[in-house]
Amino acid sequence: MLKIFLKFISFIVIFPLVGFVIYRQLEGEGFFQLKKIEIAIRAADNSPMATPPYVTPLIEKISDQLTNLKGTSIIKLNMQKISQNLFSMNWIQHVQLVREWPSTLRVEIVPQEIKFLYMNKKGQLFPVMADGKLSEPIAPALAPDVAVLQGEIFSDDLSLRSKVITMLEEIPDKGPFSPQNISEVKYESKDGFWVSLIKTGIQVKMGEDQFVIKGARVNQVLEYLNTNEFKARVIDATLSQKVLVRLRKGP
């Protein structure tokens, strides 16, 4: 019985000690030094997704920032600090860091959805994320096909940008007055929001509230106009019981 006990004690003492010695030797030889950083873009459901064009330069920027970690033991990486630094970037919705032994750090990023773009006086395009915050400007060639906000008032007013998000979410998701058919959104203190349509250039006056009802009415009016081949110039959806349509006088 004593022999068994001594063997057991030897096992629980010697085995960890041997493991520690091997670890220290490998650590000293740089076996666990970070050599490779992999960055992967994933969808919100954690499935793989194609990298949106606007994300490519942002990934390159992250890669450059993380390069200075190479040579550090992946065991000693401050994962919390790295995550916090990445989360500070407005375009990132979620990030997960994974150590892949012996020398790789994998960074999995879920990008925020771009709801629309804001264009300043200089013509720079700033993505507006789902939380209404602005991300850093992107090249026009990399911009997604979404509506553009026009007007300096949107630059510093988060609540106003958030209201545009609400409007685009509450109007019909299909039909002639759906978000994909909107090219520009403007705001006037007197009239509220004005929306421009892509194909026709029709200006739609939406006001500042009741977007569900107004959106449905405008959608029906546009379907009627399309069916009967009428060409409208302005649609006023702010009236309480009806929608006012001003037709184009010329061809």
Protein backbone atom coordinates (compact mmCIF):
# COMPACT_ATOMS: atom_id res chain seq x y z
CA MET A 1 0.00 0.00 0.00
CA LEU A 2 2.88 2.33 0.86
CA LYS A 3 4.56 1.63 -2.48
CA ILE A 4 1.38 2.53 -4.34
CA PHE A 5 1.09 5.76 -2.36
CA LEU A 6 4.70 6.69 -3.06
CA LYS A 7 4.23 5.99 -6.77
CA PHE A 8 1.17 8.17 -6.78
CA ILE A 9 3.03 11.02 -5.04
CA SER A 10 5.93 10.64 -7.48
CA PHE A 11 3.53 10.81 -10.41
CA ILE A 12 1.74 13.98 -9.32
CA VAL A 13 5.03 15.70 -8.51
CA ILE A 14 7.37 14.48 -11.23
CA PHE A 15 4.98 14.62 -14.18
CA PRO A 16 4.11 18.32 -13.77
CA LEU A 17 7.77 19.07 -13.07
CA VAL A 18 8.86 17.37 -16.29
CA GLY A 19 6.16 19.22 -18.18
CA PHE A 20 7.31 22.53 -16.71
CA VAL A 21 10.92 21.84 -17.63
CA ILE A 22 9.94 20.98 -21.21
CA TYR A 23 7.79 24.12 -21.43
CA ARG A 24 10.62 26.32 -20.14
CA GLN A 25 12.99 24.82 -22.66
CA LEU A 26 10.60 25.34 -25.56
CA GLU A 27 9.80 28.85 -24.34
CA GLY A 28 13.50 29.65 -24.17
CA GLU A 29 13.98 28.43 -27.72
CA GLY A 30 11.17 30.69 -28.97
CA PHE A 31 8.82 27.81 -29.79
CA PHE A 32 5.78 29.80 -28.61
CA GLN A 33 6.78 33.12 -30.14
CA LEU A 34 4.02 34.68 -32.22
CA LYS A 35 4.94 34.24 -35.86
CA LYS A 36 1.63 34.44 -37.71
CA ILE A 37 -1.51 36.56 -37.38
CA GLU A 38 -4.63 35.45 -39.23
CA ILE A 39 -7.62 37.79 -39.61
CA ALA A 40 -10.96 36.32 -40.67
CA ILE A 41 -14.26 38.08 -41.36
CA ARG A 42 -17.40 36.33 -40.19
CA ALA A 43 -21.15 37.00 -40.38
CA ALA A 44 -23.26 37.79 -37.32
CA ASP A 45 -24.23 34.11 -37.03
CA ASN A 46 -20.50 33.25 -36.95
CA SER A 47 -20.54 31.71 -40.42
CA PRO A 48 -17.78 32.60 -42.93
CA MET A 49 -18.53 35.52 -45.24
CA ALA A 50 -16.85 37.31 -48.11
CA THR A 51 -14.90 40.37 -47.04
CA PRO A 52 -16.82 43.56 -47.94
CA PRO A 53 -14.65 45.84 -50.12
CA TYR A 54 -14.63 48.67 -47.57
CA VAL A 55 -13.27 46.28 -44.90
CA THR A 56 -10.13 45.30 -46.84
CA PRO A 57 -8.06 48.45 -46.04
CA LEU A 58 -9.31 48.34 -42.44
CA ILE A 59 -8.05 44.78 -42.07
CA GLU A 60 -4.69 45.84 -43.46
CA LYS A 61 -4.58 48.61 -40.85
CA ILE A 62 -5.30 46.12 -38.05
CA SER A 63 -2.67 43.75 -39.41
CA ASP A 64 -0.10 46.55 -39.33
CA GLN A 65 -1.03 47.42 -35.74
CA LEU A 66 -0.74 43.81 -34.57
CA THR A 67 2.58 43.22 -36.30
CA ASN A 68 4.47 44.63 -33.32
CA LEU A 69 3.18 41.68 -31.26
CA LYS A 70 5.20 39.22 -33.32
CA GLY A 71 8.03 37.71 -31.31
CA THR A 72 5.96 37.81 -28.12
CA SER A 73 5.06 34.48 -26.52
CA ILE A 74 1.43 33.76 -27.37
CA ILE A 75 1.02 32.57 -23.77
CA LYS A 76 1.88 36.07 -22.55
CA LEU A 77 -0.33 37.97 -24.99
CA ASN A 78 -2.73 40.36 -23.23
CA MET A 79 -5.86 39.15 -25.03
CA GLN A 80 -8.17 41.50 -23.13
CA LYS A 81 -6.18 44.57 -24.09
CA ILE A 82 -6.01 43.50 -27.74
CA SER A 83 -9.79 42.94 -27.77
CA GLN A 84 -10.46 46.34 -26.19
CA ASN A 85 -8.29 48.08 -28.78
CA LEU A 86 -10.16 46.36 -31.61
CA PHE A 87 -13.58 47.08 -30.08
CA SER A 88 -12.72 50.78 -30.03
CA MET A 89 -13.02 50.76 -33.84
CA ASN A 90 -16.58 51.76 -34.79
CA TRP A 91 -16.82 49.35 -37.72
CA ILE A 92 -16.32 46.26 -35.54
CA GLN A 93 -19.42 44.67 -34.00
CA HIS A 94 -17.76 41.64 -32.41
CA VAL A 95 -14.25 40.21 -32.18
CA GLN A 96 -12.89 36.90 -30.94
CA LEU A 97 -9.22 36.09 -30.39
CA VAL A 98 -8.00 32.51 -30.56
CA ARG A 99 -4.52 31.17 -29.76
CA GLU A 100 -3.56 28.47 -32.24
CA TRP A 101 -0.57 26.57 -30.97
CA PRO A 102 2.24 26.92 -31.12
CA SER A 103 2.71 30.35 -32.73
CA THR A 104 -0.44 31.75 -34.38
CA LEU A 105 -3.00 34.33 -33.27
CA ARG A 106 -6.35 34.13 -35.06
CA VAL A 107 -8.55 37.24 -35.07
CA GLU A 108 -12.20 36.69 -36.02
CA ILE A 109 -14.16 39.87 -36.70
CA VAL A 110 -17.86 40.49 -37.28
CA PRO A 111 -18.15 43.89 -39.04
CA GLN A 112 -21.03 46.21 -38.35
CA GLU A 113 -23.61 46.63 -41.09
CA ILE A 114 -23.34 49.93 -42.97
CA LYS A 115 -26.80 51.45 -42.92
CA PHE A 116 -25.95 54.36 -45.20
CA LEU A 117 -23.16 56.82 -46.01
CA TYR A 118 -22.65 60.42 -44.94
CA MET A 119 -21.00 62.80 -47.42
CA ASN A 120 -19.35 65.93 -46.03
CA LYS A 121 -18.60 69.19 -47.85
CA LYS A 122 -15.30 67.82 -49.11
CA GLY A 123 -17.04 64.88 -50.76
CA GLN A 124 -15.65 62.35 -48.27
CA LEU A 125 -17.83 59.32 -47.59
CA PHE A 126 -18.24 58.16 -43.99
CA PRO A 127 -19.99 54.84 -43.29
CA VAL A 128 -22.83 55.14 -40.77
CA MET A 129 -23.11 51.97 -38.71
CA ALA A 130 -26.15 50.31 -37.14
CA ASP A 131 -25.63 52.30 -33.92
CA GLY A 132 -25.63 55.58 -35.86
CA LYS A 133 -21.92 56.24 -35.32
CA LEU A 134 -19.61 57.35 -38.10
CA SER A 135 -16.64 55.25 -39.14
CA GLU A 136 -13.53 56.59 -40.84
CA PRO A 137 -13.94 57.75 -44.47
CA ILE A 138 -13.68 55.24 -47.30
CA ALA A 139 -12.85 55.53 -50.98
CA PRO A 140 -15.91 55.88 -53.26
CA ALA A 141 -14.83 52.75 -55.17
CA LEU A 142 -15.14 50.72 -51.95
CA ALA A 143 -18.49 52.16 -50.86
CA PRO A 144 -21.48 49.81 -50.63
CA ASP A 145 -24.65 50.48 -52.60
CA VAL A 146 -26.62 52.32 -49.91
CA ALA A 147 -28.30 55.70 -49.49
CA VAL A 148 -26.17 58.81 -48.94
CA LEU A 149 -26.89 61.49 -46.33
CA GLN A 150 -26.47 65.04 -47.61
CA GLY A 151 -26.13 68.00 -45.26
CA GLU A 152 -23.64 69.18 -42.62
CA ILE A 153 -26.33 68.79 -39.94
CA PHE A 154 -25.78 65.01 -39.99
CA SER A 155 -22.09 65.36 -39.13
CA ASP A 156 -22.45 65.96 -35.38
CA ASP A 157 -26.03 64.87 -34.72
CA LEU A 158 -26.10 61.19 -33.69
CA SER A 159 -29.82 61.32 -32.86
CA LEU A 160 -30.65 62.56 -36.35
CA ARG A 161 -28.60 59.82 -37.98
CA SER A 162 -30.33 57.30 -35.72
CA LYS A 163 -33.68 58.65 -36.87
CA VAL A 164 -32.69 57.99 -40.49
CA ILE A 165 -31.92 54.39 -39.52
CA THR A 166 -35.37 54.13 -37.95
CA MET A 167 -37.00 55.52 -41.10
CA LEU A 168 -35.17 53.10 -43.40
CA GLU A 169 -36.09 50.18 -41.16
CA GLU A 170 -39.77 51.14 -40.99
CA ILE A 171 -40.49 51.77 -44.67
CA PRO A 172 -41.34 48.72 -46.84
CA ASP A 173 -38.44 46.34 -47.40
CA LYS A 174 -39.74 45.55 -50.90
CA GLY A 175 -41.30 47.65 -53.63
CA PRO A 176 -40.54 50.99 -55.30
CA PHE A 177 -40.14 52.76 -51.94
CA SER A 178 -37.77 50.29 -50.31
CA PRO A 179 -34.32 51.24 -48.93
CA GLN A 180 -32.48 49.82 -51.95
CA ASN A 181 -34.32 52.29 -54.19
CA ILE A 182 -33.27 55.36 -52.19
CA SER A 183 -30.25 57.36 -53.34
CA GLU A 184 -30.14 60.33 -50.96
CA VAL A 185 -31.60 61.54 -47.69
CA LYS A 186 -31.65 65.22 -46.70
CA TYR A 187 -33.04 67.06 -43.70
CA GLU A 188 -34.69 70.47 -43.38
CA SER A 189 -35.74 71.91 -40.04
CA LYS A 190 -39.11 72.98 -41.49
CA ASP A 191 -40.04 69.90 -43.52
CA GLY A 192 -38.10 67.10 -41.86
CA PHE A 193 -36.62 64.35 -44.04
CA TRP A 194 -36.55 64.42 -47.83
CA VAL A 195 -35.79 61.22 -49.73
CA SER A 196 -34.60 60.97 -53.34
CA LEU A 197 -35.32 57.86 -55.43
CA ILE A 198 -32.63 56.32 -57.62
CA LYS A 199 -34.31 55.62 -60.96
CA THR A 200 -36.83 58.44 -61.15
CA GLY A 201 -35.26 61.22 -59.08
CA ILE A 202 -38.60 61.71 -57.33
CA GLN A 203 -38.35 63.76 -54.12
CA VAL A 204 -40.38 62.34 -51.24
CA LYS A 205 -41.20 64.51 -48.23
CA MET A 206 -41.38 62.22 -45.17
CA GLY A 207 -41.40 64.58 -42.17
CA GLU A 208 -40.07 63.19 -38.89
CA ASP A 209 -42.45 60.49 -37.69
CA GLN A 210 -45.02 57.82 -38.60
CA PHE A 211 -42.65 56.28 -41.14
CA VAL A 212 -44.49 52.95 -41.26
CA ILE A 213 -47.79 54.51 -42.40
CA LYS A 214 -46.14 57.07 -44.67
CA GLY A 215 -43.84 54.48 -46.24
CA ALA A 216 -46.74 52.16 -47.06
CA ARG A 217 -48.72 55.01 -48.63
CA VAL A 218 -45.80 56.20 -50.74
CA ASN A 219 -45.15 52.62 -51.88
CA GLN A 220 -48.76 52.29 -53.06
CA VAL A 221 -48.66 55.65 -54.82
CA LEU A 222 -45.44 54.77 -56.65
CA GLU A 223 -46.88 51.43 -57.77
CA TYR A 224 -49.93 53.28 -59.11
CA LEU A 225 -47.77 55.84 -60.91
CA ASN A 226 -45.61 53.12 -62.45
CA THR A 227 -48.62 51.11 -63.60
CA ASN A 228 -50.24 54.12 -65.25
CA GLU A 229 -46.95 55.57 -66.53
CA PHE A 230 -47.35 58.87 -64.71
CA LYS A 231 -44.14 60.77 -64.00
CA ALA A 232 -44.03 62.48 -60.65
CA ARG A 233 -41.65 65.18 -59.44
CA VAL A 234 -42.54 65.45 -55.74
CA ILE A 235 -44.53 63.29 -53.33
CA ASP A 236 -45.63 64.82 -50.02
CA ALA A 237 -46.38 62.10 -47.46
CA THR A 238 -46.70 64.44 -44.45
CA LEU A 239 -50.42 65.13 -44.85
CA SER A 240 -52.61 63.42 -42.27
CA GLN A 241 -55.02 61.51 -44.52
CA LYS A 242 -53.55 61.48 -48.01
CA VAL A 243 -50.46 61.74 -50.17
CA LEU A 244 -49.97 64.75 -52.43
CA VAL A 245 -48.33 64.12 -55.82
CA ARG A 246 -46.91 66.80 -58.06
CA LEU A 247 -46.49 65.50 -61.60
CA ARG A 248 -43.78 66.49 -64.03
CA LYS A 249 -44.97 68.98 -66.64
CA GLY A 250 -42.52 67.99 -69.32
CA PRO A 251 -41.49 64.63 -70.78
